[in-house]
Amino acid sequence: MALVFGLSLLTGVGPFEQKAHAKTVFVTIGTGGITGVYYPTGGAIAKMVNKKRKEYGIRATVESTGGSVFNVNAVMTGDLEFGIVQSDRQYQAIKGIANWEDKGPQKDLRAVFSIHPETVDLIAGVDTGINGLQDLKDKRINIGNVGSGYRKNAIDALLANGLDYEKDFHAESLKAAEAPGLIQDGRLDAAFYTVGHPSGYYKEATSGKRKVKFIPITNIESLLTKYPYYAKAVTRVTEFYPAAANDKDVPTFGVKATFVTSIKVPENVVYAIVKEVFDNFEAFKKLHPAYGGLTKKNMLEGLSAPLHPGAVKYYKEAGLM
């Protein structure tokens, strides 16, 4: 590492340019917790690109990270070449609001494509008596680790319902992977999470001895008016989580997962990744049930940052732009 740093000082180019000059360009995709959909999504994209390693000269790896905010910041610093980011976080980063209020607009952020829809969900132990957000008072609730997209979603839902997470209940700031086990152990009463379905997180949380159910998230009209990246949604609990103590699907709201990069990542690298995903679109859709409703057209929706030139090149060639 010291040698690479020293060479970068001598040559005036950063670590990414250094490795881009090598025979193989190494890129890393930042995802999220291993129980969510981001991690297998990143793995699916990397696998597609790596099959053509000799053709493109690109070797992609996947990293489990703290989520959307971490991924945006790491892409901006060059620690990651790509990241999977909630559409609301992409919007906030390019506008320089929320977590980026002090840093200002992340002008080098570039959109590549959007992926699956994600719902903001709340689960609770049946024995807690929680049936709605107002029942969270004085309970132990995980709202998510700092830097995760779902933490902001949870706080937004709470504020829309007149709840203050710092005063009205005992808020935990745990990583997503920790919550299902703690729910089953009785050390958490409820937990928020934002993810595409089906998810290993919810399968784990609903499959133990403790009966767990999804809680409706309603009274969010003010939220939908204020934030253009949110939309009403329904979590298909009965289809994906038969062990949950729900006899019907649950209303909530949601965002989209998006794939982002930096303007500093070379055009040919971004082009190659987009080409592999879109040229093998039907195969990509089969890699995870969350992708079932994808179309090529809606993969260009929900994007706030400017499209990367490498993505634009492919979309024009494919007649999508």
C-alpha atoms as a PDB file:
ATOM      1  CA  MET A   1       0.000   0.000   0.000  1.00  0.00           C
ATOM      2  CA  ALA A   2       2.859   2.353   0.830  1.00  0.00           C
ATOM      3  CA  LEU A   3       4.450   1.619  -2.552  1.00  0.00           C
ATOM      4  CA  VAL A   4       1.194   2.335  -4.416  1.00  0.00           C
ATOM      5  CA  PHE A   5       0.722   5.571  -2.483  1.00  0.00           C
ATOM      6  CA  GLY A   6       4.271   6.631  -3.220  1.00  0.00           C
ATOM      7  CA  LEU A   7       3.863   5.874  -6.912  1.00  0.00           C
ATOM      8  CA  SER A   8       0.631   7.878  -7.016  1.00  0.00           C
ATOM      9  CA  LEU A   9       2.481  10.878  -5.598  1.00  0.00           C
ATOM     10  CA  LEU A  10       5.187  10.518  -8.208  1.00  0.00           C
ATOM     11  CA  THR A  11       2.876  10.006 -11.165  1.00  0.00           C
ATOM     12  CA  GLY A  12       0.057  12.322 -10.137  1.00  0.00           C
ATOM     13  CA  VAL A  13      -2.655   9.723 -10.650  1.00  0.00           C
ATOM     14  CA  GLY A  14      -4.853   8.025  -8.082  1.00  0.00           C
ATOM     15  CA  PRO A  15      -5.209   4.353  -7.176  1.00  0.00           C
ATOM     16  CA  PHE A  16      -8.003   3.721  -9.709  1.00  0.00           C
ATOM     17  CA  GLU A  17      -5.972   5.080 -12.615  1.00  0.00           C
ATOM     18  CA  GLN A  18      -2.994   3.037 -11.469  1.00  0.00           C
ATOM     19  CA  LYS A  19      -4.901  -0.228 -11.610  1.00  0.00           C
ATOM     20  CA  ALA A  20      -6.675   0.806 -14.822  1.00  0.00           C
ATOM     21  CA  HIS A  21      -3.264   0.856 -16.506  1.00  0.00           C
ATOM     22  CA  ALA A  22      -2.688  -2.757 -15.509  1.00  0.00           C
ATOM     23  CA  LYS A  23      -3.749  -5.684 -17.652  1.00  0.00           C
ATOM     24  CA  THR A  24      -6.898  -6.183 -15.598  1.00  0.00           C
ATOM     25  CA  VAL A  25      -9.005  -3.379 -14.142  1.00  0.00           C
ATOM     26  CA  PHE A  26     -10.261  -4.248 -10.667  1.00  0.00           C
ATOM     27  CA  VAL A  27     -13.579  -2.755  -9.569  1.00  0.00           C
ATOM     28  CA  THR A  28     -15.483  -3.206  -6.326  1.00  0.00           C
ATOM     29  CA  ILE A  29     -19.250  -3.047  -5.917  1.00  0.00           C
ATOM     30  CA  GLY A  30     -20.514  -1.865  -2.522  1.00  0.00           C
ATOM     31  CA  THR A  31     -23.726  -3.565  -1.435  1.00  0.00           C
ATOM     32  CA  GLY A  32     -25.290  -3.886   2.029  1.00  0.00           C
ATOM     33  CA  GLY A  33     -25.893  -6.525   4.686  1.00  0.00           C
ATOM     34  CA  ILE A  34     -25.603 -10.144   3.585  1.00  0.00           C
ATOM     35  CA  THR A  35     -29.252 -10.867   4.505  1.00  0.00           C
ATOM     36  CA  GLY A  36     -30.626  -8.218   2.141  1.00  0.00           C
ATOM     37  CA  VAL A  37     -31.032  -8.157  -1.635  1.00  0.00           C
ATOM     38  CA  TYR A  38     -28.143  -5.742  -2.301  1.00  0.00           C
ATOM     39  CA  TYR A  39     -25.470  -8.345  -1.625  1.00  0.00           C
ATOM     40  CA  PRO A  40     -26.758 -10.997  -4.069  1.00  0.00           C
ATOM     41  CA  THR A  41     -27.547  -8.221  -6.565  1.00  0.00           C
ATOM     42  CA  GLY A  42     -23.925  -7.048  -6.482  1.00  0.00           C
ATOM     43  CA  GLY A  43     -22.798 -10.656  -6.751  1.00  0.00           C
ATOM     44  CA  ALA A  44     -25.012 -11.261  -9.784  1.00  0.00           C
ATOM     45  CA  ILE A  45     -23.643  -8.212 -11.595  1.00  0.00           C
ATOM     46  CA  ALA A  46     -20.050  -9.121 -10.758  1.00  0.00           C
ATOM     47  CA  LYS A  47     -20.564 -12.684 -11.950  1.00  0.00           C
ATOM     48  CA  MET A  48     -21.879 -11.515 -15.319  1.00  0.00           C
ATOM     49  CA  VAL A  49     -18.958  -9.165 -15.882  1.00  0.00           C
ATOM     50  CA  ASN A  50     -16.362 -11.672 -14.700  1.00  0.00           C
ATOM     51  CA  LYS A  51     -17.539 -14.211 -17.274  1.00  0.00           C
ATOM     52  CA  LYS A  52     -16.237 -11.793 -19.914  1.00  0.00           C
ATOM     53  CA  ARG A  53     -13.048 -10.942 -18.031  1.00  0.00           C
ATOM     54  CA  LYS A  54     -10.804 -11.734 -20.984  1.00  0.00           C
ATOM     55  CA  GLU A  55     -12.937  -9.627 -23.321  1.00  0.00           C
ATOM     56  CA  TYR A  56     -13.327  -6.574 -21.081  1.00  0.00           C
ATOM     57  CA  GLY A  57     -10.215  -6.811 -18.909  1.00  0.00           C
ATOM     58  CA  ILE A  58     -12.390  -6.175 -15.842  1.00  0.00           C
ATOM     59  CA  ARG A  59     -12.428  -8.140 -12.580  1.00  0.00           C
ATOM     60  CA  ALA A  60     -15.357  -7.252 -10.306  1.00  0.00           C
ATOM     61  CA  THR A  61     -15.599  -8.050  -6.602  1.00  0.00           C
ATOM     62  CA  VAL A  62     -18.394  -7.466  -4.091  1.00  0.00           C
ATOM     63  CA  GLU A  63     -18.158  -5.912  -0.646  1.00  0.00           C
ATOM     64  CA  SER A  64     -20.758  -6.103   2.127  1.00  0.00           C
ATOM     65  CA  THR A  65     -21.082  -2.562   3.518  1.00  0.00           C
ATOM     66  CA  GLY A  66     -23.112  -0.399   5.886  1.00  0.00           C
ATOM     67  CA  GLY A  67     -25.522   0.516   3.105  1.00  0.00           C
ATOM     68  CA  SER A  68     -26.546   3.447   0.957  1.00  0.00           C
ATOM     69  CA  VAL A  69     -24.823   6.395   2.668  1.00  0.00           C
ATOM     70  CA  PHE A  70     -21.594   4.452   3.049  1.00  0.00           C
ATOM     71  CA  ASN A  71     -21.732   3.415  -0.602  1.00  0.00           C
ATOM     72  CA  VAL A  72     -22.267   6.955  -1.896  1.00  0.00           C
ATOM     73  CA  ASN A  73     -19.415   8.310   0.205  1.00  0.00           C
ATOM     74  CA  ALA A  74     -17.076   5.455  -0.726  1.00  0.00           C
ATOM     75  CA  VAL A  75     -17.831   5.894  -4.439  1.00  0.00           C
ATOM     76  CA  MET A  76     -17.121   9.617  -4.101  1.00  0.00           C
ATOM     77  CA  THR A  77     -13.748   8.998  -2.433  1.00  0.00           C
ATOM     78  CA  GLY A  78     -12.808   6.244  -4.893  1.00  0.00           C
ATOM     79  CA  ASP A  79     -12.800   3.478  -2.271  1.00  0.00           C
ATOM     80  CA  LEU A  80     -15.555   1.825  -4.311  1.00  0.00           C
ATOM     81  CA  GLU A  81     -16.109   2.052  -8.063  1.00  0.00           C
ATOM     82  CA  PHE A  82     -19.817   1.171  -7.839  1.00  0.00           C
ATOM     83  CA  GLY A  83     -22.458   1.077  -5.147  1.00  0.00           C
ATOM     84  CA  ILE A  84     -26.071   0.013  -4.710  1.00  0.00           C
ATOM     85  CA  VAL A  85     -28.001   2.889  -3.202  1.00  0.00           C
ATOM     86  CA  GLN A  86     -31.622   3.555  -2.341  1.00  0.00           C
ATOM     87  CA  SER A  87     -33.250   6.040  -4.729  1.00  0.00           C
ATOM     88  CA  ASP A  88     -33.976   8.446  -1.862  1.00  0.00           C
ATOM     89  CA  ARG A  89     -30.312   8.498  -0.868  1.00  0.00           C
ATOM     90  CA  GLN A  90     -29.249   9.108  -4.466  1.00  0.00           C
ATOM     91  CA  TYR A  91     -31.638  12.085  -4.581  1.00  0.00           C
ATOM     92  CA  GLN A  92     -30.335  13.483  -1.284  1.00  0.00           C
ATOM     93  CA  ALA A  93     -26.688  13.079  -2.278  1.00  0.00           C
ATOM     94  CA  ILE A  94     -27.015  14.841  -5.632  1.00  0.00           C
ATOM     95  CA  LYS A  95     -29.044  17.634  -3.969  1.00  0.00           C
ATOM     96  CA  GLY A  96     -26.651  17.993  -1.028  1.00  0.00           C
ATOM     97  CA  ILE A  97     -29.315  17.467   1.649  1.00  0.00           C
ATOM     98  CA  ALA A  98     -29.853  15.109   4.618  1.00  0.00           C
ATOM     99  CA  ASN A  99     -26.514  13.318   5.258  1.00  0.00           C
ATOM    100  CA  TRP A 100     -24.792  15.542   2.683  1.00  0.00           C
ATOM    101  CA  GLU A 101     -25.967  18.902   4.009  1.00  0.00           C
ATOM    102  CA  ASP A 102     -22.478  19.743   5.315  1.00  0.00           C
ATOM    103  CA  LYS A 103     -20.639  18.365   2.262  1.00  0.00           C
ATOM    104  CA  GLY A 104     -22.976  19.879  -0.317  1.00  0.00           C
ATOM    105  CA  PRO A 105     -24.132  18.316  -3.607  1.00  0.00           C
ATOM    106  CA  GLN A 106     -22.129  15.250  -4.635  1.00  0.00           C
ATOM    107  CA  LYS A 107     -21.488  16.541  -8.133  1.00  0.00           C
ATOM    108  CA  ASP A 108     -19.366  13.592  -9.251  1.00  0.00           C
ATOM    109  CA  LEU A 109     -22.122  11.070  -8.501  1.00  0.00           C
ATOM    110  CA  ARG A 110     -23.500   9.339 -11.601  1.00  0.00           C
ATOM    111  CA  ALA A 111     -26.471   7.028 -12.051  1.00  0.00           C
ATOM    112  CA  VAL A 112     -26.116   3.780 -13.998  1.00  0.00           C
ATOM    113  CA  PHE A 113     -29.511   2.068 -13.693  1.00  0.00           C
ATOM    114  CA  SER A 114     -32.203   1.274 -11.146  1.00  0.00           C
ATOM    115  CA  ILE A 115     -33.024  -2.236 -10.048  1.00  0.00           C
ATOM    116  CA  HIS A 116     -35.781  -3.654  -7.865  1.00  0.00           C
ATOM    117  CA  PRO A 117     -38.420  -1.857  -5.803  1.00  0.00           C
ATOM    118  CA  GLU A 118     -37.948  -1.924  -2.032  1.00  0.00           C
ATOM    119  CA  THR A 119     -40.566  -1.612   0.679  1.00  0.00           C
ATOM    120  CA  VAL A 120     -40.109   0.007   4.073  1.00  0.00           C
ATOM    121  CA  ASP A 121     -41.284  -2.619   6.539  1.00  0.00           C
ATOM    122  CA  LEU A 122     -41.805  -2.955  10.268  1.00  0.00           C
ATOM    123  CA  ILE A 123     -42.000  -6.317  12.037  1.00  0.00           C
ATOM    124  CA  ALA A 124     -42.897  -6.971  15.665  1.00  0.00           C
ATOM    125  CA  GLY A 125     -43.340  -9.886  18.004  1.00  0.00           C
ATOM    126  CA  VAL A 126     -47.000 -10.834  18.314  1.00  0.00           C
ATOM    127  CA  ASP A 127     -46.577 -10.887  22.107  1.00  0.00           C
ATOM    128  CA  THR A 128     -45.682  -7.164  22.171  1.00  0.00           C
ATOM    129  CA  GLY A 129     -49.181  -5.976  21.347  1.00  0.00           C
ATOM    130  CA  ILE A 130     -47.827  -3.797  18.547  1.00  0.00           C
ATOM    131  CA  ASN A 131     -50.407  -3.430  15.774  1.00  0.00           C
ATOM    132  CA  GLY A 132     -49.526   0.039  14.461  1.00  0.00           C
ATOM    133  CA  LEU A 133     -46.879   2.711  14.764  1.00  0.00           C
ATOM    134  CA  GLN A 134     -48.581   4.354  17.731  1.00  0.00           C
ATOM    135  CA  ASP A 135     -48.058   1.124  19.700  1.00  0.00           C
ATOM    136  CA  LEU A 136     -44.260   1.547  19.511  1.00  0.00           C
ATOM    137  CA  LYS A 137     -44.190   3.897  22.498  1.00  0.00           C
ATOM    138  CA  ASP A 138     -41.885   2.676  25.290  1.00  0.00           C
ATOM    139  CA  LYS A 139     -40.862  -0.403  23.259  1.00  0.00           C
ATOM    140  CA  ARG A 140     -37.397  -1.485  22.056  1.00  0.00           C
ATOM    141  CA  ILE A 141     -37.194  -0.761  18.329  1.00  0.00           C
ATOM    142  CA  ASN A 142     -34.336  -1.108  15.855  1.00  0.00           C
ATOM    143  CA  ILE A 143     -34.394   1.823  13.437  1.00  0.00           C
ATOM    144  CA  GLY A 144     -31.124   0.882  11.711  1.00  0.00           C
ATOM    145  CA  ASN A 145     -27.435   1.629  11.785  1.00  0.00           C
ATOM    146  CA  VAL A 146     -26.243   5.163  11.158  1.00  0.00           C
ATOM    147  CA  GLY A 147     -25.420   5.510   7.452  1.00  0.00           C
ATOM    148  CA  SER A 148     -28.022   3.056   6.244  1.00  0.00           C
ATOM    149  CA  GLY A 149     -30.812   4.139   3.935  1.00  0.00           C
ATOM    150  CA  TYR A 150     -33.458   2.302   5.913  1.00  0.00           C
ATOM    151  CA  ARG A 151     -32.739   4.298   9.078  1.00  0.00           C
ATOM    152  CA  LYS A 152     -33.863   7.482   7.302  1.00  0.00           C
ATOM    153  CA  ASN A 153     -36.944   5.672   5.935  1.00  0.00           C
ATOM    154  CA  ALA A 154     -37.870   4.579   9.455  1.00  0.00           C
ATOM    155  CA  ILE A 155     -37.418   8.069  10.879  1.00  0.00           C
ATOM    156  CA  ASP A 156     -39.506   9.554   8.039  1.00  0.00           C
ATOM    157  CA  ALA A 157     -42.336   7.096   8.733  1.00  0.00           C
ATOM    158  CA  LEU A 158     -42.208   7.861  12.441  1.00  0.00           C
ATOM    159  CA  LEU A 159     -42.223  11.643  11.952  1.00  0.00           C
ATOM    160  CA  ALA A 160     -45.179  11.395   9.573  1.00  0.00           C
ATOM    161  CA  ASN A 161     -47.033   9.667  12.410  1.00  0.00           C
ATOM    162  CA  GLY A 162     -46.022  12.224  15.039  1.00  0.00           C
ATOM    163  CA  LEU A 163     -43.417  10.027  16.745  1.00  0.00           C
ATOM    164  CA  ASP A 164     -39.956  11.057  17.949  1.00  0.00           C
ATOM    165  CA  TYR A 165     -37.526   8.146  18.038  1.00  0.00           C
ATOM    166  CA  GLU A 166     -35.335   9.939  20.588  1.00  0.00           C
ATOM    167  CA  LYS A 167     -38.173  10.374  23.087  1.00  0.00           C
ATOM    168  CA  ASP A 168     -41.076   8.014  22.452  1.00  0.00           C
ATOM    169  CA  PHE A 169     -39.345   4.628  22.581  1.00  0.00           C
ATOM    170  CA  HIS A 170     -36.017   2.902  23.097  1.00  0.00           C
ATOM    171  CA  ALA A 171     -34.329   3.195  19.696  1.00  0.00           C
ATOM    172  CA  GLU A 172     -31.549   0.805  18.741  1.00  0.00           C
ATOM    173  CA  SER A 173     -29.046   1.517  15.942  1.00  0.00           C
ATOM    174  CA  LEU A 174     -28.143  -2.019  14.950  1.00  0.00           C
ATOM    175  CA  LYS A 175     -27.018  -3.352  11.599  1.00  0.00           C
ATOM    176  CA  ALA A 176     -29.721  -5.190   9.711  1.00  0.00           C
ATOM    177  CA  ALA A 177     -28.121  -8.626  10.089  1.00  0.00           C
ATOM    178  CA  GLU A 178     -28.328  -8.408  13.893  1.00  0.00           C
ATOM    179  CA  ALA A 179     -32.041  -7.687  14.188  1.00  0.00           C
ATOM    180  CA  PRO A 180     -33.755 -10.979  13.197  1.00  0.00           C
ATOM    181  CA  GLY A 181     -31.947 -12.964  15.888  1.00  0.00           C
ATOM    182  CA  LEU A 182     -32.659 -10.335  18.532  1.00  0.00           C
ATOM    183  CA  ILE A 183     -36.323 -10.281  17.568  1.00  0.00           C
ATOM    184  CA  GLN A 184     -36.471 -14.051  18.034  1.00  0.00           C
ATOM    185  CA  ASP A 185     -34.561 -13.852  21.343  1.00  0.00           C
ATOM    186  CA  GLY A 186     -37.024 -11.309  22.691  1.00  0.00           C
ATOM    187  CA  ARG A 187     -34.372  -8.629  23.077  1.00  0.00           C
ATOM    188  CA  LEU A 188     -36.100  -6.442  20.482  1.00  0.00           C
ATOM    189  CA  ASP A 189     -39.819  -5.750  20.300  1.00  0.00           C
ATOM    190  CA  ALA A 190     -39.835  -4.541  16.713  1.00  0.00           C
ATOM    191  CA  ALA A 191     -37.521  -3.597  13.847  1.00  0.00           C
ATOM    192  CA  PHE A 192     -37.616  -1.556  10.664  1.00  0.00           C
ATOM    193  CA  TYR A 193     -35.903  -2.587   7.439  1.00  0.00           C
ATOM    194  CA  THR A 194     -36.065  -1.547   3.793  1.00  0.00           C
ATOM    195  CA  VAL A 195     -35.408  -4.293   1.265  1.00  0.00           C
ATOM    196  CA  GLY A 196     -36.581  -6.032  -1.877  1.00  0.00           C
ATOM    197  CA  HIS A 197     -38.558  -9.227  -1.409  1.00  0.00           C
ATOM    198  CA  PRO A 198     -38.188 -12.056  -0.699  1.00  0.00           C
ATOM    199  CA  SER A 199     -35.429 -11.353   1.805  1.00  0.00           C
ATOM    200  CA  GLY A 200     -33.385 -13.641   4.022  1.00  0.00           C
ATOM    201  CA  TYR A 201     -33.767 -11.037   6.771  1.00  0.00           C
ATOM    202  CA  TYR A 202     -37.527 -11.523   7.026  1.00  0.00           C
ATOM    203  CA  LYS A 203     -37.385 -15.268   6.470  1.00  0.00           C
ATOM    204  CA  GLU A 204     -35.053 -15.550   9.461  1.00  0.00           C
ATOM    205  CA  ALA A 205     -37.094 -13.152  11.583  1.00  0.00           C
ATOM    206  CA  THR A 206     -40.400 -14.948  10.969  1.00  0.00           C
ATOM    207  CA  SER A 207     -39.254 -18.574  11.069  1.00  0.00           C
ATOM    208  CA  GLY A 208     -38.383 -19.000  14.755  1.00  0.00           C
ATOM    209  CA  LYS A 209     -40.378 -20.003  17.837  1.00  0.00           C
ATOM    210  CA  ARG A 210     -41.495 -16.452  18.527  1.00  0.00           C
ATOM    211  CA  LYS A 211     -44.439 -15.448  16.378  1.00  0.00           C
ATOM    212  CA  VAL A 212     -43.668 -12.326  14.359  1.00  0.00           C
ATOM    213  CA  LYS A 213     -45.889 -10.205  12.132  1.00  0.00           C
ATOM    214  CA  PHE A 214     -45.592  -7.325   9.669  1.00  0.00           C
ATOM    215  CA  ILE A 215     -47.096  -4.050  10.914  1.00  0.00           C
ATOM    216  CA  PRO A 216     -48.958  -1.730   8.487  1.00  0.00           C
ATOM    217  CA  ILE A 217     -47.271   1.634   7.894  1.00  0.00           C
ATOM    218  CA  THR A 218     -50.052   4.100   7.155  1.00  0.00           C
ATOM    219  CA  ASN A 219     -50.858   7.819   7.572  1.00  0.00           C
ATOM    220  CA  ILE A 220     -47.982   8.697   5.242  1.00  0.00           C
ATOM    221  CA  GLU A 221     -49.708  11.143   2.866  1.00  0.00           C
ATOM    222  CA  SER A 222     -47.590  14.048   4.149  1.00  0.00           C
ATOM    223  CA  LEU A 223     -44.484  11.976   3.500  1.00  0.00           C
ATOM    224  CA  LEU A 224     -45.455  11.218  -0.095  1.00  0.00           C
ATOM    225  CA  THR A 225     -46.161  14.895  -0.743  1.00  0.00           C
ATOM    226  CA  LYS A 226     -42.846  16.030   0.708  1.00  0.00           C
ATOM    227  CA  TYR A 227     -40.532  13.464  -0.902  1.00  0.00           C
ATOM    228  CA  PRO A 228     -40.879  12.632  -4.636  1.00  0.00           C
ATOM    229  CA  TYR A 229     -38.897   9.391  -4.361  1.00  0.00           C
ATOM    230  CA  TYR A 230     -41.457   7.683  -2.095  1.00  0.00           C
ATOM    231  CA  ALA A 231     -44.559   5.832  -3.275  1.00  0.00           C
ATOM    232  CA  LYS A 232     -47.248   3.685  -1.650  1.00  0.00           C
ATOM    233  CA  ALA A 233     -46.554  -0.043  -1.773  1.00  0.00           C
ATOM    234  CA  VAL A 234     -47.780  -3.388  -0.496  1.00  0.00           C
ATOM    235  CA  THR A 235     -45.548  -6.074   0.999  1.00  0.00           C
ATOM    236  CA  ARG A 236     -46.567  -9.502  -0.298  1.00  0.00           C
ATOM    237  CA  VAL A 237     -46.286 -11.203   3.080  1.00  0.00           C
ATOM    238  CA  THR A 238     -48.547 -14.180   2.361  1.00  0.00           C
ATOM    239  CA  GLU A 239     -46.578 -15.066  -0.781  1.00  0.00           C
ATOM    240  CA  PHE A 240     -43.050 -14.681   0.541  1.00  0.00           C
ATOM    241  CA  TYR A 241     -43.285 -15.218   4.316  1.00  0.00           C
ATOM    242  CA  PRO A 242     -45.875 -17.907   5.116  1.00  0.00           C
ATOM    243  CA  ALA A 243     -44.461 -18.294   8.645  1.00  0.00           C
ATOM    244  CA  ALA A 244     -45.384 -14.685   9.514  1.00  0.00           C
ATOM    245  CA  ALA A 245     -48.488 -14.208  11.660  1.00  0.00           C
ATOM    246  CA  ASN A 246     -50.314 -12.259   8.927  1.00  0.00           C
ATOM    247  CA  ASP A 247     -53.301 -13.527   6.984  1.00  0.00           C
ATOM    248  CA  LYS A 248     -53.110 -10.822   4.319  1.00  0.00           C
ATOM    249  CA  ASP A 249     -50.615  -8.527   2.621  1.00  0.00           C
ATOM    250  CA  VAL A 250     -49.550  -5.354   4.400  1.00  0.00           C
ATOM    251  CA  PRO A 251     -49.710  -1.712   3.202  1.00  0.00           C
ATOM    252  CA  THR A 252     -46.583   0.411   3.417  1.00  0.00           C
ATOM    253  CA  PHE A 253     -44.433   2.644   1.173  1.00  0.00           C
ATOM    254  CA  GLY A 254     -41.169   2.226  -0.695  1.00  0.00           C
ATOM    255  CA  VAL A 255     -38.227   3.306  -2.832  1.00  0.00           C
ATOM    256  CA  LYS A 256     -36.052   1.686  -5.511  1.00  0.00           C
ATOM    257  CA  ALA A 257     -32.579   0.226  -5.386  1.00  0.00           C
ATOM    258  CA  THR A 258     -30.231   2.006  -7.803  1.00  0.00           C
ATOM    259  CA  PHE A 259     -26.746   1.309  -9.149  1.00  0.00           C
ATOM    260  CA  VAL A 260     -24.389   4.294  -9.019  1.00  0.00           C
ATOM    261  CA  THR A 261     -20.817   5.215  -9.813  1.00  0.00           C
ATOM    262  CA  SER A 262     -18.537   8.241 -10.137  1.00  0.00           C
ATOM    263  CA  ILE A 263     -17.804  10.343 -13.205  1.00  0.00           C
ATOM    264  CA  LYS A 264     -14.141   9.392 -12.574  1.00  0.00           C
ATOM    265  CA  VAL A 265     -14.776   5.726 -13.421  1.00  0.00           C
ATOM    266  CA  PRO A 266     -13.823   5.189 -17.091  1.00  0.00           C
ATOM    267  CA  GLU A 267     -16.578   5.071 -19.707  1.00  0.00           C
ATOM    268  CA  ASN A 268     -15.563   1.655 -21.030  1.00  0.00           C
ATOM    269  CA  VAL A 269     -15.885   0.076 -17.565  1.00  0.00           C
ATOM    270  CA  VAL A 270     -19.407   1.396 -16.994  1.00  0.00           C
ATOM    271  CA  TYR A 271     -20.395   0.512 -20.558  1.00  0.00           C
ATOM    272  CA  ALA A 272     -19.253  -3.091 -20.110  1.00  0.00           C
ATOM    273  CA  ILE A 273     -21.272  -3.572 -16.919  1.00  0.00           C
ATOM    274  CA  VAL A 274     -24.446  -2.047 -18.391  1.00  0.00           C
ATOM    275  CA  LYS A 275     -24.056  -4.102 -21.561  1.00  0.00           C
ATOM    276  CA  GLU A 276     -23.728  -7.379 -19.673  1.00  0.00           C
ATOM    277  CA  VAL A 277     -26.787  -6.720 -17.500  1.00  0.00           C
ATOM    278  CA  PHE A 278     -29.017  -5.530 -20.351  1.00  0.00           C
ATOM    279  CA  ASP A 279     -27.810  -7.955 -23.033  1.00  0.00           C
ATOM    280  CA  ASN A 280     -28.509 -10.791 -20.590  1.00  0.00           C
ATOM    281  CA  PHE A 281     -31.655  -9.216 -19.185  1.00  0.00           C
ATOM    282  CA  GLU A 282     -33.827 -12.338 -18.956  1.00  0.00           C
ATOM    283  CA  ALA A 283     -31.026 -14.271 -17.257  1.00  0.00           C
ATOM    284  CA  PHE A 284     -30.489 -11.371 -14.844  1.00  0.00           C
ATOM    285  CA  LYS A 285     -34.196 -11.317 -13.911  1.00  0.00           C
ATOM    286  CA  LYS A 286     -34.042 -14.983 -12.940  1.00  0.00           C
ATOM    287  CA  LEU A 287     -31.189 -14.462 -10.490  1.00  0.00           C
ATOM    288  CA  HIS A 288     -33.482 -13.259  -7.687  1.00  0.00           C
ATOM    289  CA  PRO A 289     -37.267 -13.219  -7.147  1.00  0.00           C
ATOM    290  CA  ALA A 290     -37.080  -9.480  -6.322  1.00  0.00           C
ATOM    291  CA  TYR A 291     -36.307  -8.799  -9.991  1.00  0.00           C
ATOM    292  CA  GLY A 292     -39.512 -10.430 -11.227  1.00  0.00           C
ATOM    293  CA  GLY A 293     -41.247  -7.182 -12.240  1.00  0.00           C
ATOM    294  CA  LEU A 294     -38.235  -5.579 -13.907  1.00  0.00           C
ATOM    295  CA  THR A 295     -38.399  -4.172 -17.431  1.00  0.00           C
ATOM    296  CA  LYS A 296     -35.582  -2.517 -19.308  1.00  0.00           C
ATOM    297  CA  LYS A 297     -37.629   0.660 -19.363  1.00  0.00           C
ATOM    298  CA  ASN A 298     -38.237   0.861 -15.613  1.00  0.00           C
ATOM    299  CA  MET A 299     -34.534   0.275 -14.955  1.00  0.00           C
ATOM    300  CA  LEU A 300     -34.035   3.815 -16.252  1.00  0.00           C
ATOM    301  CA  GLU A 301     -36.584   5.240 -13.787  1.00  0.00           C
ATOM    302  CA  GLY A 302     -36.083   6.551 -10.253  1.00  0.00           C
ATOM    303  CA  LEU A 303     -32.691   8.088 -11.039  1.00  0.00           C
ATOM    304  CA  SER A 304     -31.789  11.572  -9.771  1.00  0.00           C
ATOM    305  CA  ALA A 305     -28.074  11.867 -10.578  1.00  0.00           C
ATOM    306  CA  PRO A 306     -26.983  12.405 -14.196  1.00  0.00           C
ATOM    307  CA  LEU A 307     -26.413   9.205 -16.137  1.00  0.00           C
ATOM    308  CA  HIS A 308     -22.787   8.164 -16.571  1.00  0.00           C
ATOM    309  CA  PRO A 309     -21.592   8.596 -20.199  1.00  0.00           C
ATOM    310  CA  GLY A 310     -20.784   4.880 -20.377  1.00  0.00           C
ATOM    311  CA  ALA A 311     -24.392   4.051 -19.543  1.00  0.00           C
ATOM    312  CA  VAL A 312     -25.717   6.643 -22.001  1.00  0.00           C
ATOM    313  CA  LYS A 313     -23.583   5.116 -24.765  1.00  0.00           C
ATOM    314  CA  TYR A 314     -25.170   1.705 -24.266  1.00  0.00           C
ATOM    315  CA  TYR A 315     -28.731   2.999 -23.871  1.00  0.00           C
ATOM    316  CA  LYS A 316     -28.471   4.917 -27.149  1.00  0.00           C
ATOM    317  CA  GLU A 317     -27.059   1.904 -28.966  1.00  0.00           C
ATOM    318  CA  ALA A 318     -29.864  -0.269 -27.587  1.00  0.00           C
ATOM    319  CA  GLY A 319     -32.573   2.228 -28.522  1.00  0.00           C
ATOM    320  CA  LEU A 320     -33.510   2.857 -24.891  1.00  0.00           C
ATOM    321  CA  MET A 321     -32.675   6.572 -25.167  1.00  0.00           C
END
